[in-house]
């Protein structure tokens, strides 16, 4: 009974695979091709799009439902509003209207102990915004996110990079940051450069100890054998 559905799914995957092979962006993986967007005259990053005056007021009303530190949670209802305005489908230019770089500071206990509040303060002061506000040039916004799972490399930020639109979207961790380093990261992004991801401490390799390993430098001594029959 599942054979027709299986054949249909197999046919669809083959079509996607063929479409992917015809794409000039041959560096993409096949899995990426499953959600690959192809520009068309009426749906491409250059297609003008913005909320109407009426819907802009609705958008502000939607945003008011969320706490000041969780405004990003409004993204789904805002995209739904954009889809309604556009006649039932969501153009890629509406998705890209989110902004270029969303900087998220981890605010969970390990990062807070290691100075995440100073990290956030440095970003807000440098960009001249409050939390969840967007800079006047539309390039940056700063928010907070709870544990990102890199507590050993605290404090850390992540950069949601929309600079190449939804097709080129990346989400990168920058760990072991300092107030000075996050400002440097911002300025690298502003210049169109790609700051190194992962730990920003040159004395560390990934999550290893600063300066290299201090323990477990040789093979561990095996435990003595137990004579289970003697128990």
N, C-alpha and C. Protein backbone atom coordinates (compact mmCIF):
# COMPACT_ATOMS: atom_id res chain seq x y z
N UNK A 1 0.82 -1.22 0.00
CA UNK A 1 0.00 0.00 0.00
C UNK A 1 0.85 1.27 0.00
N UNK A 2 2.12 1.12 0.43
CA UNK A 2 3.00 2.27 0.48
C UNK A 2 3.81 2.44 -0.80
N UNK A 3 3.71 1.50 -1.72
CA UNK A 3 4.53 1.54 -2.93
C UNK A 3 4.29 2.81 -3.75
N UNK A 4 3.03 3.22 -4.02
CA UNK A 4 2.84 4.45 -4.82
C UNK A 4 3.47 5.67 -4.17
N UNK A 5 3.32 5.80 -2.84
CA UNK A 5 3.91 6.94 -2.14
C UNK A 5 5.43 6.90 -2.22
N UNK A 6 5.99 5.69 -2.10
CA UNK A 6 7.45 5.55 -2.17
C UNK A 6 7.96 5.93 -3.56
N UNK A 7 7.23 5.50 -4.59
CA UNK A 7 7.64 5.84 -5.96
C UNK A 7 7.56 7.34 -6.19
N UNK A 8 6.51 7.97 -5.64
CA UNK A 8 6.35 9.42 -5.81
C UNK A 8 7.48 10.17 -5.10
N UNK A 9 7.82 9.71 -3.88
CA UNK A 9 8.90 10.36 -3.13
C UNK A 9 10.23 10.19 -3.86
N UNK A 10 10.46 8.97 -4.40
CA UNK A 10 11.70 8.71 -5.13
C UNK A 10 11.80 9.59 -6.38
N UNK A 11 10.67 9.75 -7.08
CA UNK A 11 10.65 10.59 -8.27
C UNK A 11 10.95 12.03 -7.92
N UNK A 12 10.36 12.50 -6.80
CA UNK A 12 10.57 13.89 -6.39
C UNK A 12 12.03 14.13 -6.01
N UNK A 13 12.64 13.20 -5.29
CA UNK A 13 14.05 13.33 -4.93
C UNK A 13 14.94 13.36 -6.17
N UNK A 14 14.59 12.55 -7.16
CA UNK A 14 15.36 12.53 -8.40
C UNK A 14 15.26 13.88 -9.10
N UNK A 15 14.06 14.46 -9.12
CA UNK A 15 13.87 15.77 -9.74
C UNK A 15 14.71 16.83 -9.03
N UNK A 16 14.72 16.78 -7.69
CA UNK A 16 15.49 17.74 -6.92
C UNK A 16 16.97 17.56 -7.20
N UNK A 17 17.40 16.29 -7.27
CA UNK A 17 18.81 16.01 -7.53
C UNK A 17 19.23 16.55 -8.89
N UNK A 18 18.39 16.34 -9.90
CA UNK A 18 18.70 16.85 -11.23
C UNK A 18 18.73 18.37 -11.26
N UNK A 19 17.78 18.98 -10.53
CA UNK A 19 17.74 20.44 -10.45
C UNK A 19 19.00 20.96 -9.78
N UNK A 20 19.43 20.26 -8.75
CA UNK A 20 20.63 20.67 -8.03
C UNK A 20 21.86 20.58 -8.93
N UNK A 21 21.95 19.52 -9.73
CA UNK A 21 23.10 19.34 -10.60
C UNK A 21 23.16 20.42 -11.68
N UNK A 22 21.99 20.96 -12.04
CA UNK A 22 21.95 22.02 -13.04
C UNK A 22 22.28 23.39 -12.45
N UNK A 23 22.26 23.48 -11.10
CA UNK A 23 22.47 24.76 -10.45
C UNK A 23 23.92 25.18 -10.57
N UNK A 24 24.20 26.47 -10.79
CA UNK A 24 25.59 26.94 -10.87
C UNK A 24 26.29 26.88 -9.53
N UNK A 25 25.53 26.80 -8.43
CA UNK A 25 26.14 26.76 -7.12
C UNK A 25 26.43 25.31 -6.76
N UNK A 26 27.42 24.74 -7.43
CA UNK A 26 27.70 23.31 -7.29
C UNK A 26 28.33 22.95 -5.97
N UNK A 27 28.71 23.95 -5.17
CA UNK A 27 29.34 23.65 -3.89
C UNK A 27 28.33 23.23 -2.84
N UNK A 28 27.04 23.38 -3.12
CA UNK A 28 26.03 23.01 -2.14
C UNK A 28 25.94 21.50 -2.00
N UNK A 29 25.64 21.07 -0.77
CA UNK A 29 25.44 19.64 -0.55
C UNK A 29 24.07 19.23 -1.05
N UNK A 30 23.88 17.93 -1.27
CA UNK A 30 22.58 17.47 -1.76
C UNK A 30 21.48 17.75 -0.74
N UNK A 31 21.82 17.62 0.56
CA UNK A 31 20.80 17.88 1.58
C UNK A 31 20.34 19.32 1.53
N UNK A 32 21.25 20.26 1.21
CA UNK A 32 20.87 21.65 1.09
C UNK A 32 19.91 21.85 -0.07
N UNK A 33 20.05 21.04 -1.10
CA UNK A 33 19.20 21.20 -2.28
C UNK A 33 17.74 20.92 -1.96
N UNK A 34 17.47 20.22 -0.86
CA UNK A 34 16.09 19.92 -0.52
C UNK A 34 15.31 21.17 -0.19
N UNK A 35 16.00 22.24 0.29
CA UNK A 35 15.30 23.48 0.56
C UNK A 35 15.91 24.63 -0.23
N UNK A 36 16.33 24.32 -1.43
CA UNK A 36 17.04 25.28 -2.27
C UNK A 36 16.05 26.25 -2.92
N UNK A 37 16.32 27.53 -2.78
CA UNK A 37 15.48 28.56 -3.40
C UNK A 37 16.07 28.96 -4.75
N UNK A 38 15.23 29.04 -5.77
CA UNK A 38 15.67 29.48 -7.10
C UNK A 38 15.00 30.83 -7.38
N UNK A 39 15.83 31.84 -7.66
CA UNK A 39 15.29 33.17 -7.94
C UNK A 39 14.39 33.15 -9.17
N UNK A 40 13.36 33.97 -9.12
CA UNK A 40 12.47 34.17 -10.27
C UNK A 40 12.22 35.67 -10.37
N UNK A 41 11.65 36.15 -11.49
CA UNK A 41 11.45 37.59 -11.66
C UNK A 41 10.64 38.23 -10.54
N UNK A 42 9.70 37.46 -9.95
CA UNK A 42 8.87 38.05 -8.91
C UNK A 42 9.24 37.56 -7.51
N UNK A 43 10.34 36.83 -7.37
CA UNK A 43 10.74 36.35 -6.04
C UNK A 43 12.26 36.20 -6.01
N UNK A 44 12.92 37.29 -5.71
CA UNK A 44 14.38 37.28 -5.60
C UNK A 44 14.78 38.34 -4.58
N UNK A 45 16.03 38.33 -4.11
CA UNK A 45 16.44 39.26 -3.06
C UNK A 45 16.32 40.73 -3.43
N UNK A 46 16.27 41.04 -4.73
CA UNK A 46 16.18 42.43 -5.17
C UNK A 46 14.74 42.92 -5.32
N UNK A 47 13.78 42.01 -5.19
CA UNK A 47 12.38 42.41 -5.32
C UNK A 47 11.99 43.33 -4.17
N UNK A 48 11.52 44.55 -4.44
CA UNK A 48 11.16 45.48 -3.35
C UNK A 48 10.04 44.89 -2.49
N UNK A 49 10.19 45.06 -1.17
CA UNK A 49 9.13 44.60 -0.27
C UNK A 49 9.26 45.34 1.05
N UNK A 50 8.13 45.77 1.60
CA UNK A 50 8.09 46.31 2.96
C UNK A 50 6.65 46.26 3.44
N UNK A 51 6.46 46.32 4.76
CA UNK A 51 5.10 46.30 5.31
C UNK A 51 4.35 47.55 4.86
N UNK A 52 3.06 47.37 4.58
CA UNK A 52 2.20 48.52 4.31
C UNK A 52 2.04 49.31 5.61
N UNK A 53 1.53 50.54 5.50
CA UNK A 53 1.34 51.36 6.70
C UNK A 53 0.43 50.67 7.71
N UNK A 54 -0.64 50.06 7.21
CA UNK A 54 -1.58 49.37 8.10
C UNK A 54 -0.90 48.19 8.79
N UNK A 55 -0.18 47.39 8.00
CA UNK A 55 0.47 46.21 8.57
C UNK A 55 1.66 46.57 9.45
N UNK A 56 2.28 47.72 9.22
CA UNK A 56 3.35 48.16 10.11
C UNK A 56 2.79 48.42 11.50
N UNK A 57 1.60 48.99 11.56
CA UNK A 57 0.95 49.19 12.86
C UNK A 57 0.60 47.85 13.51
N UNK A 58 0.15 46.90 12.68
CA UNK A 58 -0.13 45.55 13.20
C UNK A 58 1.14 44.89 13.71
N UNK A 59 2.25 45.11 12.99
CA UNK A 59 3.52 44.52 13.40
C UNK A 59 3.96 45.08 14.76
N UNK A 60 3.80 46.38 14.94
CA UNK A 60 4.15 46.98 16.23
C UNK A 60 3.26 46.42 17.34
N UNK A 61 2.00 46.20 17.03
CA UNK A 61 1.08 45.64 18.02
C UNK A 61 1.47 44.21 18.38
N UNK A 62 1.88 43.43 17.37
CA UNK A 62 2.34 42.06 17.62
C UNK A 62 3.57 42.08 18.51
N UNK A 63 4.54 42.95 18.21
CA UNK A 63 5.76 43.04 19.00
C UNK A 63 5.48 43.40 20.45
N UNK A 64 4.41 44.17 20.69
CA UNK A 64 4.10 44.60 22.06
C UNK A 64 3.66 43.44 22.94
N UNK A 65 3.33 42.30 22.36
CA UNK A 65 2.88 41.14 23.13
C UNK A 65 4.05 40.40 23.78
N UNK A 66 5.27 40.73 23.39
CA UNK A 66 6.43 39.97 23.85
C UNK A 66 7.28 40.79 24.82
N UNK A 67 7.88 40.13 25.83
CA UNK A 67 8.78 40.85 26.76
C UNK A 67 9.93 41.49 26.01
N UNK A 68 10.51 42.53 26.60
CA UNK A 68 11.55 43.30 25.91
C UNK A 68 12.75 42.45 25.51
N UNK A 69 13.04 41.39 26.28
CA UNK A 69 14.22 40.56 25.97
C UNK A 69 13.88 39.34 25.13
N UNK A 70 12.62 39.25 24.63
CA UNK A 70 12.24 38.12 23.79
C UNK A 70 11.47 38.57 22.55
N UNK A 71 11.80 39.78 22.06
CA UNK A 71 11.11 40.30 20.87
C UNK A 71 11.33 39.40 19.66
N UNK A 72 12.49 38.68 19.63
CA UNK A 72 12.77 37.83 18.47
C UNK A 72 11.75 36.71 18.33
N UNK A 73 11.02 36.41 19.42
CA UNK A 73 10.01 35.36 19.35
C UNK A 73 8.83 35.75 18.47
N UNK A 74 8.76 37.02 18.10
CA UNK A 74 7.66 37.48 17.24
C UNK A 74 7.91 37.18 15.77
N UNK A 75 9.02 36.52 15.44
CA UNK A 75 9.38 36.35 14.04
C UNK A 75 8.33 35.56 13.26
N UNK A 76 7.75 34.51 13.87
CA UNK A 76 6.76 33.70 13.14
C UNK A 76 5.49 34.48 12.85
N UNK A 77 4.84 35.14 13.85
CA UNK A 77 3.64 35.92 13.50
C UNK A 77 3.93 37.08 12.54
N UNK A 78 5.14 37.64 12.59
CA UNK A 78 5.48 38.71 11.65
C UNK A 78 5.62 38.18 10.23
N UNK A 79 6.24 37.00 10.10
CA UNK A 79 6.33 36.39 8.78
C UNK A 79 4.95 35.99 8.26
N UNK A 80 4.08 35.56 9.18
CA UNK A 80 2.71 35.24 8.78
C UNK A 80 2.00 36.49 8.28
N UNK A 81 2.23 37.61 8.96
CA UNK A 81 1.63 38.87 8.52
C UNK A 81 2.15 39.28 7.14
N UNK A 82 3.45 39.09 6.93
CA UNK A 82 4.03 39.39 5.62
C UNK A 82 3.44 38.49 4.54
N UNK A 83 3.21 37.23 4.88
CA UNK A 83 2.62 36.30 3.92
C UNK A 83 1.20 36.69 3.58
N UNK A 84 0.42 37.12 4.58
CA UNK A 84 -0.95 37.58 4.32
C UNK A 84 -0.95 38.80 3.40
N UNK A 85 -0.02 39.73 3.65
CA UNK A 85 0.06 40.93 2.82
C UNK A 85 0.40 40.58 1.38
N UNK A 86 1.19 39.52 1.20
CA UNK A 86 1.68 39.18 -0.13
C UNK A 86 0.79 38.17 -0.85
N UNK A 87 -0.43 38.00 -0.39
CA UNK A 87 -1.37 37.17 -1.11
C UNK A 87 -1.25 35.68 -0.86
N UNK A 88 -0.67 35.29 0.27
CA UNK A 88 -0.66 33.87 0.63
C UNK A 88 0.66 33.16 0.47
N UNK A 89 1.70 33.86 0.01
CA UNK A 89 3.03 33.24 -0.05
C UNK A 89 4.07 34.27 0.37
N UNK A 90 5.22 33.77 0.83
CA UNK A 90 6.22 34.62 1.46
C UNK A 90 7.41 34.83 0.53
N UNK A 91 7.62 36.04 0.02
CA UNK A 91 8.77 36.28 -0.87
C UNK A 91 10.08 36.29 -0.09
N UNK A 92 11.14 35.92 -0.76
CA UNK A 92 12.44 35.85 -0.11
C UNK A 92 12.89 37.23 0.36
N UNK A 93 12.48 38.29 -0.33
CA UNK A 93 12.86 39.63 0.09
C UNK A 93 12.22 40.01 1.42
N UNK A 94 11.03 39.45 1.72
CA UNK A 94 10.41 39.69 3.02
C UNK A 94 11.19 38.98 4.12
N UNK A 95 11.65 37.77 3.82
CA UNK A 95 12.47 37.04 4.80
C UNK A 95 13.76 37.80 5.10
N UNK A 96 14.34 38.38 4.05
CA UNK A 96 15.62 39.07 4.20
C UNK A 96 15.49 40.42 4.88
N UNK A 97 14.24 40.91 5.04
CA UNK A 97 14.03 42.21 5.65
C UNK A 97 14.28 42.19 7.16
N UNK A 98 14.65 41.03 7.69
CA UNK A 98 14.88 40.90 9.12
C UNK A 98 16.04 41.80 9.55
N UNK A 99 17.06 41.98 8.74
CA UNK A 99 18.27 42.69 9.13
C UNK A 99 19.46 41.84 8.74
N UNK A 100 20.69 42.39 8.80
CA UNK A 100 21.86 41.65 8.34
C UNK A 100 22.47 40.77 9.43
N UNK A 101 22.73 41.36 10.60
CA UNK A 101 23.42 40.61 11.65
C UNK A 101 22.66 40.73 12.97
N UNK A 102 22.27 39.58 13.51
CA UNK A 102 21.62 39.57 14.82
C UNK A 102 22.61 38.96 15.80
N UNK A 103 23.07 39.76 16.76
CA UNK A 103 24.08 39.34 17.72
C UNK A 103 23.38 38.89 19.00
N UNK A 104 23.61 37.66 19.39
CA UNK A 104 22.96 37.09 20.56
C UNK A 104 24.00 36.77 21.62
N UNK A 105 23.81 37.35 22.81
CA UNK A 105 24.73 37.14 23.93
C UNK A 105 24.15 36.08 24.84
N UNK A 106 24.95 35.06 25.18
CA UNK A 106 24.48 34.04 26.11
C UNK A 106 24.37 34.65 27.50
N UNK A 107 23.21 34.47 28.14
CA UNK A 107 23.00 35.07 29.46
C UNK A 107 22.86 34.06 30.58
N UNK A 108 23.17 32.79 30.31
CA UNK A 108 23.03 31.77 31.34
C UNK A 108 24.19 31.84 32.33
N UNK A 109 24.03 31.18 33.49
CA UNK A 109 24.93 31.36 34.62
C UNK A 109 26.42 31.28 34.30
N UNK A 110 26.94 30.22 33.62
CA UNK A 110 28.38 30.18 33.37
C UNK A 110 28.89 31.39 32.60
N UNK A 111 28.14 31.82 31.58
CA UNK A 111 28.57 32.99 30.82
C UNK A 111 28.42 34.26 31.65
N UNK A 112 27.39 34.33 32.47
CA UNK A 112 27.20 35.52 33.32
C UNK A 112 28.35 35.65 34.31
N UNK A 113 28.76 34.52 34.90
CA UNK A 113 29.88 34.54 35.83
C UNK A 113 31.16 35.00 35.14
N UNK A 114 31.29 34.65 33.87
CA UNK A 114 32.50 34.96 33.11
C UNK A 114 32.42 36.31 32.39
N UNK A 115 31.33 37.08 32.64
CA UNK A 115 31.31 38.45 32.13
C UNK A 115 30.38 38.74 30.98
N UNK A 116 29.30 37.97 30.81
CA UNK A 116 28.42 38.20 29.67
C UNK A 116 27.73 39.56 29.74
N UNK A 117 27.48 40.05 30.94
CA UNK A 117 26.84 41.37 31.06
C UNK A 117 27.76 42.46 30.52
N UNK A 118 29.05 42.34 30.77
CA UNK A 118 30.02 43.30 30.22
C UNK A 118 30.12 43.17 28.70
N UNK A 119 29.97 41.94 28.21
CA UNK A 119 29.98 41.71 26.76
C UNK A 119 28.80 42.44 26.11
N UNK A 120 27.61 42.24 26.68
CA UNK A 120 26.42 42.88 26.13
C UNK A 120 26.54 44.40 26.21
N UNK A 121 27.02 44.90 27.33
CA UNK A 121 27.17 46.35 27.50
C UNK A 121 28.11 46.94 26.45
N UNK A 122 29.20 46.22 26.17
CA UNK A 122 30.15 46.70 25.16
C UNK A 122 29.49 46.77 23.79
N UNK A 123 28.68 45.76 23.44
CA UNK A 123 28.00 45.75 22.15
C UNK A 123 26.98 46.89 22.05
N UNK A 124 26.17 47.05 23.10
CA UNK A 124 25.13 48.07 23.06
C UNK A 124 25.74 49.47 22.99
N UNK A 125 26.79 49.69 23.78
CA UNK A 125 27.43 51.02 23.77
C UNK A 125 28.08 51.30 22.42
N UNK A 126 28.74 50.30 21.86
CA UNK A 126 29.44 50.50 20.58
C UNK A 126 28.46 50.76 19.44
N UNK A 127 27.32 50.06 19.47
CA UNK A 127 26.34 50.19 18.38
C UNK A 127 25.32 51.30 18.64
N UNK A 128 25.27 51.80 19.89
CA UNK A 128 24.34 52.87 20.20
C UNK A 128 22.89 52.44 20.20
N UNK A 129 22.61 51.22 20.66
CA UNK A 129 21.24 50.70 20.71
C UNK A 129 20.96 50.12 22.09
N UNK A 130 19.69 49.84 22.33
CA UNK A 130 19.28 49.07 23.49
C UNK A 130 19.07 47.63 23.05
N UNK A 131 18.91 46.75 24.02
CA UNK A 131 18.69 45.34 23.67
C UNK A 131 17.46 45.20 22.78
N UNK A 132 17.62 44.41 21.70
CA UNK A 132 16.58 44.11 20.72
C UNK A 132 16.24 45.28 19.79
N UNK A 133 16.98 46.38 19.88
CA UNK A 133 16.82 47.45 18.91
C UNK A 133 17.73 47.19 17.71
N UNK A 134 17.40 47.82 16.59
CA UNK A 134 18.19 47.70 15.36
C UNK A 134 18.93 49.02 15.13
N UNK A 135 20.19 48.94 14.71
CA UNK A 135 20.95 50.15 14.44
C UNK A 135 20.30 50.93 13.30
N UNK A 136 20.57 52.22 13.25
CA UNK A 136 19.94 53.08 12.26
C UNK A 136 20.23 52.64 10.82
N UNK A 137 21.41 52.03 10.61
CA UNK A 137 21.73 51.58 9.25
C UNK A 137 21.13 50.22 8.94
N UNK A 138 20.41 49.62 9.90
CA UNK A 138 19.75 48.34 9.68
C UNK A 138 20.67 47.15 9.68
N UNK A 139 21.93 47.33 10.08
CA UNK A 139 22.89 46.23 9.98
C UNK A 139 22.91 45.31 11.20
N UNK A 140 22.70 45.87 12.41
CA UNK A 140 22.91 45.08 13.62
C UNK A 140 21.75 45.21 14.59
N UNK A 141 21.50 44.11 15.29
CA UNK A 141 20.64 44.13 16.46
C UNK A 141 21.28 43.21 17.50
N UNK A 142 20.99 43.50 18.76
CA UNK A 142 21.59 42.74 19.85
C UNK A 142 20.49 42.17 20.72
N UNK A 143 20.57 40.87 21.00
CA UNK A 143 19.61 40.21 21.86
C UNK A 143 20.30 39.28 22.83
N UNK A 144 19.50 38.59 23.63
CA UNK A 144 20.03 37.63 24.58
C UNK A 144 19.45 36.26 24.27
N UNK A 145 20.25 35.24 24.43
CA UNK A 145 19.77 33.86 24.28
C UNK A 145 20.25 33.05 25.47
N UNK A 146 19.42 32.14 25.90
CA UNK A 146 19.84 31.27 27.00
C UNK A 146 20.75 30.18 26.47
N UNK A 147 21.29 29.38 27.36
CA UNK A 147 22.42 28.47 27.14
C UNK A 147 22.57 27.96 25.71
N UNK A 148 23.74 28.21 25.12
CA UNK A 148 24.05 27.76 23.76
C UNK A 148 24.93 26.52 23.77
N UNK A 149 25.21 26.00 24.97
CA UNK A 149 25.90 24.72 25.06
C UNK A 149 27.41 24.78 24.96
N UNK A 150 28.00 25.96 25.12
CA UNK A 150 29.47 26.07 25.08
C UNK A 150 29.98 26.65 26.40
N UNK A 151 29.45 26.14 27.51
CA UNK A 151 29.77 26.70 28.82
C UNK A 151 31.27 26.66 29.11
N UNK A 152 31.98 25.65 28.61
CA UNK A 152 33.41 25.53 28.88
C UNK A 152 34.19 26.67 28.22
N UNK A 153 33.61 27.30 27.20
CA UNK A 153 34.26 28.42 26.51
C UNK A 153 33.55 29.73 26.79
N UNK A 154 32.94 29.85 27.95
CA UNK A 154 32.22 31.07 28.32
C UNK A 154 33.21 32.23 28.54
N UNK A 155 32.74 33.47 28.24
CA UNK A 155 31.45 33.86 27.69
C UNK A 155 31.46 33.76 26.17
N UNK A 156 30.28 33.76 25.59
CA UNK A 156 30.19 33.58 24.15
C UNK A 156 29.02 34.36 23.57
N UNK A 157 29.12 34.61 22.27
CA UNK A 157 28.01 35.18 21.51
C UNK A 157 27.82 34.33 20.27
N UNK A 158 26.66 34.47 19.65
CA UNK A 158 26.45 33.88 18.34
C UNK A 158 26.02 34.98 17.38
N UNK A 159 26.37 34.83 16.13
CA UNK A 159 26.02 35.81 15.11
C UNK A 159 25.13 35.13 14.08
N UNK A 160 23.87 35.56 14.02
CA UNK A 160 22.96 35.12 12.96
C UNK A 160 23.19 36.06 11.78
N UNK A 161 23.77 35.53 10.73
CA UNK A 161 24.24 36.33 9.60
C UNK A 161 23.28 36.20 8.42
N UNK A 162 22.53 37.29 8.16
CA UNK A 162 21.59 37.34 7.03
C UNK A 162 22.14 38.19 5.88
N UNK A 163 23.44 38.50 5.91
CA UNK A 163 24.00 39.44 4.95
C UNK A 163 23.88 38.96 3.51
N UNK A 164 23.80 37.65 3.31
CA UNK A 164 23.63 37.10 1.96
C UNK A 164 22.23 36.56 1.76
N UNK A 165 21.28 37.06 2.55
CA UNK A 165 19.91 36.62 2.41
C UNK A 165 19.67 35.26 3.00
N UNK A 166 18.46 34.77 2.83
CA UNK A 166 18.10 33.49 3.42
C UNK A 166 18.88 32.33 2.81
N UNK A 167 19.36 32.48 1.57
CA UNK A 167 20.11 31.40 0.93
C UNK A 167 21.50 31.24 1.52
N UNK A 168 22.12 32.37 1.90
CA UNK A 168 23.48 32.31 2.42
C UNK A 168 23.55 32.43 3.92
N UNK A 169 22.41 32.20 4.60
CA UNK A 169 22.34 32.38 6.05
C UNK A 169 23.32 31.48 6.79
N UNK A 170 24.03 32.05 7.78
CA UNK A 170 24.90 31.27 8.65
C UNK A 170 24.63 31.63 10.10
N UNK A 171 25.02 30.75 10.99
CA UNK A 171 24.77 30.91 12.42
C UNK A 171 26.04 30.45 13.12
N UNK A 172 26.86 31.40 13.57
CA UNK A 172 28.21 31.08 14.02
C UNK A 172 28.44 31.43 15.49
N UNK A 173 29.16 30.54 16.17
CA UNK A 173 29.53 30.75 17.57
C UNK A 173 30.89 31.45 17.65
N UNK A 174 30.99 32.39 18.57
CA UNK A 174 32.26 33.07 18.87
C UNK A 174 32.43 32.98 20.39
N UNK A 175 33.42 32.21 20.82
CA UNK A 175 33.56 31.85 22.23
C UNK A 175 34.79 32.50 22.84
N UNK A 176 34.84 32.47 24.20
CA UNK A 176 35.96 33.09 24.93
C UNK A 176 36.13 34.55 24.53
N UNK A 177 35.02 35.27 24.40
CA UNK A 177 35.09 36.65 23.95
C UNK A 177 35.35 37.60 25.12
N UNK A 178 35.83 38.78 24.80
CA UNK A 178 36.03 39.87 25.74
C UNK A 178 35.28 41.08 25.21
N UNK A 179 35.04 42.10 26.04
CA UNK A 179 34.39 43.31 25.52
C UNK A 179 35.13 43.89 24.31
N UNK A 180 36.44 43.88 24.35
CA UNK A 180 37.23 44.40 23.23
C UNK A 180 37.04 43.53 21.99
N UNK A 181 37.02 42.21 22.19
CA UNK A 181 36.94 41.30 21.04
C UNK A 181 35.59 41.38 20.36
N UNK A 182 34.49 41.53 21.10
CA UNK A 182 33.18 41.58 20.43
C UNK A 182 33.05 42.84 19.58
N UNK A 183 33.67 43.94 20.01
CA UNK A 183 33.67 45.15 19.19
C UNK A 183 34.46 44.93 17.91
N UNK A 184 35.59 44.21 18.03
CA UNK A 184 36.38 43.88 16.84
C UNK A 184 35.58 43.00 15.88
N UNK A 185 34.80 42.05 16.42
CA UNK A 185 33.97 41.18 15.59
C UNK A 185 32.94 42.00 14.83
N UNK A 186 32.30 42.95 15.53
CA UNK A 186 31.31 43.82 14.89
C UNK A 186 31.94 44.58 13.73
N UNK A 187 33.11 45.14 13.94
CA UNK A 187 33.74 45.94 12.90
C UNK A 187 34.21 45.07 11.73
N UNK A 188 34.61 43.83 12.01
CA UNK A 188 34.94 42.91 10.92
C UNK A 188 33.71 42.64 10.06
N UNK A 189 32.56 42.41 10.72
CA UNK A 189 31.32 42.18 9.99
C UNK A 189 30.93 43.40 9.17
N UNK A 190 31.12 44.58 9.75
CA UNK A 190 30.77 45.81 9.05
C UNK A 190 31.59 45.98 7.77
N UNK A 191 32.84 45.50 7.81
CA UNK A 191 33.71 45.60 6.64
C UNK A 191 33.48 44.46 5.64
N UNK A 192 32.55 43.56 5.97
CA UNK A 192 32.28 42.44 5.08
C UNK A 192 33.23 41.29 5.27
N UNK A 193 34.00 41.29 6.36
CA UNK A 193 34.92 40.20 6.64
C UNK A 193 34.23 39.12 7.47
N UNK A 194 34.85 37.95 7.53
CA UNK A 194 34.30 36.84 8.29
C UNK A 194 35.19 36.58 9.51
N UNK A 195 34.75 36.98 10.70
CA UNK A 195 35.57 36.74 11.89
C UNK A 195 35.71 35.24 12.15
N UNK A 196 36.83 34.81 12.71
CA UNK A 196 37.01 33.38 12.99
C UNK A 196 35.96 32.89 13.97
N UNK A 197 35.48 31.69 13.73
CA UNK A 197 34.46 31.12 14.61
C UNK A 197 35.14 30.30 15.71
N UNK A 198 34.35 29.92 16.73
CA UNK A 198 34.89 29.14 17.83
C UNK A 198 35.61 30.02 18.83
N UNK A 199 36.56 29.44 19.55
CA UNK A 199 37.25 30.19 20.59
C UNK A 199 38.03 31.36 20.00
N UNK A 200 37.99 32.48 20.70
CA UNK A 200 38.73 33.67 20.31
C UNK A 200 40.02 33.81 21.12
N UNK A 201 40.30 32.81 21.94
CA UNK A 201 41.51 32.79 22.75
C UNK A 201 42.61 32.05 21.98
N UNK A 202 43.66 32.73 21.54
CA UNK A 202 44.69 32.07 20.74
C UNK A 202 45.47 31.01 21.50
N UNK A 203 45.32 30.98 22.83
CA UNK A 203 46.04 30.00 23.64
C UNK A 203 45.26 28.70 23.81
N UNK A 204 44.08 28.63 23.19
CA UNK A 204 43.25 27.43 23.34
C UNK A 204 43.01 26.79 21.98
N UNK A 205 42.84 25.48 21.98
CA UNK A 205 42.40 24.74 20.81
C UNK A 205 41.02 24.18 21.12
N UNK A 206 40.02 24.68 20.41
CA UNK A 206 38.62 24.30 20.67
C UNK A 206 38.30 24.51 22.15
N UNK A 207 37.95 23.46 22.86
CA UNK A 207 37.61 23.61 24.28
C UNK A 207 38.71 23.08 25.19
N UNK A 208 39.91 22.90 24.62
CA UNK A 208 41.04 22.43 25.42
C UNK A 208 41.51 23.49 26.39
N UNK A 209 42.33 23.12 27.37
CA UNK A 209 42.82 24.08 28.36
C UNK A 209 43.78 25.08 27.75
N UNK A 210 43.79 26.27 28.30
CA UNK A 210 44.70 27.30 27.81
C UNK A 210 46.15 26.85 27.98
N UNK A 211 46.93 26.96 26.90
CA UNK A 211 48.32 26.56 26.95
C UNK A 211 48.57 25.09 26.69
N UNK A 212 47.51 24.32 26.43
CA UNK A 212 47.69 22.90 26.16
C UNK A 212 47.34 22.03 27.34
N UNK A 213 47.31 20.71 27.11
CA UNK A 213 46.92 19.77 28.16
C UNK A 213 47.90 19.78 29.32
N UNK A 214 47.35 19.66 30.52
CA UNK A 214 48.17 19.59 31.73
C UNK A 214 48.11 18.20 32.36
N UNK A 215 47.12 17.42 31.97
CA UNK A 215 46.96 16.07 32.52
C UNK A 215 46.73 15.11 31.36
N UNK A 216 46.71 13.80 31.68
CA UNK A 216 46.46 12.77 30.67
C UNK A 216 47.43 12.91 29.51
N UNK A 217 48.70 13.10 29.85
CA UNK A 217 49.72 13.29 28.82
C UNK A 217 50.31 11.98 28.32
N UNK A 218 49.93 10.87 28.95
CA UNK A 218 50.41 9.56 28.52
C UNK A 218 49.28 8.56 28.66
N UNK A 219 49.52 7.33 28.22
CA UNK A 219 48.50 6.30 28.33
C UNK A 219 48.21 6.01 29.81
N UNK A 220 46.94 5.95 30.18
CA UNK A 220 46.63 5.70 31.60
C UNK A 220 46.99 4.27 32.00
N UNK A 221 47.30 4.10 33.27
CA UNK A 221 47.60 2.78 33.80
C UNK A 221 46.32 1.96 33.85
N UNK A 222 46.32 0.75 33.31
CA UNK A 222 45.09 -0.05 33.34
C UNK A 222 44.76 -0.48 34.76
N UNK A 223 43.48 -0.67 35.06
CA UNK A 223 43.09 -1.11 36.40
C UNK A 223 43.55 -2.55 36.62
N UNK A 224 43.83 -2.95 37.89
CA UNK A 224 44.21 -4.33 38.16
C UNK A 224 43.07 -5.28 37.84
N UNK A 225 43.42 -6.45 37.33
CA UNK A 225 42.38 -7.43 37.00
C UNK A 225 41.74 -7.98 38.27
N UNK A 226 40.47 -8.25 38.13
CA UNK A 226 39.76 -8.86 39.28
C UNK A 226 39.50 -10.32 38.98
N UNK A 227 39.72 -11.16 39.99
CA UNK A 227 39.41 -12.59 39.85
C UNK A 227 37.97 -12.78 40.27
N UNK A 228 37.08 -12.71 39.29
CA UNK A 228 35.65 -12.79 39.62
C UNK A 228 35.28 -14.14 40.22
N UNK A 229 36.03 -15.16 39.83
CA UNK A 229 35.71 -16.48 40.39
C UNK A 229 36.02 -16.57 41.88
N UNK A 230 36.91 -15.69 42.36
CA UNK A 230 37.28 -15.74 43.76
C UNK A 230 36.30 -14.97 44.64
N UNK A 231 35.40 -14.22 44.03
CA UNK A 231 34.45 -13.41 44.80
C UNK A 231 33.38 -14.29 45.45
